[in-house]
Amino acid sequence: MLTMYNKVVEACIKNANYYELFRERLDHIAEMASGIGWGYGDTLAESYFTLRGYYEEEEELE
């Protein structure tokens, strides 16, 4: 699941339309994964916050 999640994150970085389409779902998945253990939720959250940070930086530059 981590690999697929990261592939979607990468696609969202390349295409803002995907980000808008999947943002809420990616956030929800990261939230639901917290507490699973072995760093799984932390890894998903890190990917999600990297993606979110990418778009927040773009908005600040505009």
C-alpha atoms as a PDB file:
ATOM      1  CA  MET A   1       0.000   0.000   0.000  1.00  0.00           C
ATOM      2  CA  LEU A   2       2.860   2.420   0.686  1.00  0.00           C
ATOM      3  CA  THR A   3       4.101   2.066  -2.865  1.00  0.00           C
ATOM      4  CA  MET A   4       0.700   2.828  -4.392  1.00  0.00           C
ATOM      5  CA  TYR A   5       0.088   5.715  -2.003  1.00  0.00           C
ATOM      6  CA  ASN A   6       3.442   7.231  -2.960  1.00  0.00           C
ATOM      7  CA  LYS A   7       2.691   6.774  -6.663  1.00  0.00           C
ATOM      8  CA  VAL A   8      -0.522   8.766  -6.235  1.00  0.00           C
ATOM      9  CA  VAL A   9       1.366  11.443  -4.291  1.00  0.00           C
ATOM     10  CA  GLU A  10       3.940  11.670  -7.097  1.00  0.00           C
ATOM     11  CA  ALA A  11       1.164  11.957  -9.690  1.00  0.00           C
ATOM     12  CA  CYS A  12      -0.436  14.732  -7.637  1.00  0.00           C
ATOM     13  CA  ILE A  13       2.847  16.649  -7.539  1.00  0.00           C
ATOM     14  CA  LYS A  14       3.058  16.446 -11.323  1.00  0.00           C
ATOM     15  CA  ASN A  15      -0.591  17.383 -11.903  1.00  0.00           C
ATOM     16  CA  ALA A  16      -2.502  19.880  -9.758  1.00  0.00           C
ATOM     17  CA  ASN A  17      -5.819  18.500 -11.010  1.00  0.00           C
ATOM     18  CA  TYR A  18      -4.997  15.155  -9.407  1.00  0.00           C
ATOM     19  CA  TYR A  19      -4.109  16.944  -6.182  1.00  0.00           C
ATOM     20  CA  GLU A  20      -7.526  18.600  -6.067  1.00  0.00           C
ATOM     21  CA  LEU A  21      -9.218  15.317  -6.915  1.00  0.00           C
ATOM     22  CA  PHE A  22      -7.395  13.138  -4.361  1.00  0.00           C
ATOM     23  CA  ARG A  23      -6.409  15.573  -1.586  1.00  0.00           C
ATOM     24  CA  GLU A  24      -9.199  14.716   0.843  1.00  0.00           C
ATOM     25  CA  ARG A  25      -8.893  10.996   0.228  1.00  0.00           C
ATOM     26  CA  LEU A  26      -5.113  11.013   0.740  1.00  0.00           C
ATOM     27  CA  ASP A  27      -5.572  12.971   3.967  1.00  0.00           C
ATOM     28  CA  HIS A  28      -8.201  10.511   5.186  1.00  0.00           C
ATOM     29  CA  ILE A  29      -5.998   7.507   4.413  1.00  0.00           C
ATOM     30  CA  ALA A  30      -3.066   9.065   6.274  1.00  0.00           C
ATOM     31  CA  GLU A  31      -5.292   9.765   9.284  1.00  0.00           C
ATOM     32  CA  MET A  32      -6.741   6.239   9.308  1.00  0.00           C
ATOM     33  CA  ALA A  33      -3.255   4.708   9.115  1.00  0.00           C
ATOM     34  CA  SER A  34      -2.005   6.441  12.246  1.00  0.00           C
ATOM     35  CA  GLY A  35      -1.441   4.026  15.054  1.00  0.00           C
ATOM     36  CA  ILE A  36      -1.195   0.905  12.881  1.00  0.00           C
ATOM     37  CA  GLY A  37       2.367   0.432  14.041  1.00  0.00           C
ATOM     38  CA  TRP A  38       5.839  -0.148  12.646  1.00  0.00           C
ATOM     39  CA  GLY A  39       5.926   3.410  11.327  1.00  0.00           C
ATOM     40  CA  TYR A  40       3.334   2.717   8.640  1.00  0.00           C
ATOM     41  CA  GLY A  41       1.101   5.661   9.515  1.00  0.00           C
ATOM     42  CA  ASP A  42       4.099   7.926   9.983  1.00  0.00           C
ATOM     43  CA  THR A  43       5.359   7.087   6.505  1.00  0.00           C
ATOM     44  CA  LEU A  44       1.980   7.831   4.911  1.00  0.00           C
ATOM     45  CA  ALA A  45       1.682  11.074   6.858  1.00  0.00           C
ATOM     46  CA  GLU A  46       5.167  12.143   5.786  1.00  0.00           C
ATOM     47  CA  SER A  47       4.291  11.585   2.127  1.00  0.00           C
ATOM     48  CA  TYR A  48       1.006  13.450   2.486  1.00  0.00           C
ATOM     49  CA  PHE A  49       2.543  16.429   4.285  1.00  0.00           C
ATOM     50  CA  THR A  50       5.310  16.620   1.691  1.00  0.00           C
ATOM     51  CA  LEU A  51       2.622  16.843  -0.993  1.00  0.00           C
ATOM     52  CA  ARG A  52       0.613  19.402   0.935  1.00  0.00           C
ATOM     53  CA  GLY A  53       3.730  21.458   1.577  1.00  0.00           C
ATOM     54  CA  TYR A  54       4.523  21.438  -2.138  1.00  0.00           C
ATOM     55  CA  TYR A  55       1.203  23.091  -2.982  1.00  0.00           C
ATOM     56  CA  GLU A  56       1.253  25.465  -0.004  1.00  0.00           C
ATOM     57  CA  GLU A  57       4.675  26.748  -1.157  1.00  0.00           C
ATOM     58  CA  GLU A  58       3.304  27.290  -4.667  1.00  0.00           C
ATOM     59  CA  GLU A  59       0.369  29.286  -3.286  1.00  0.00           C
ATOM     60  CA  GLU A  60       2.727  31.478  -1.253  1.00  0.00           C
ATOM     61  CA  LEU A  61       4.774  32.265  -4.355  1.00  0.00           C
ATOM     62  CA  GLU A  62       1.726  33.431  -6.316  1.00  0.00           C
END
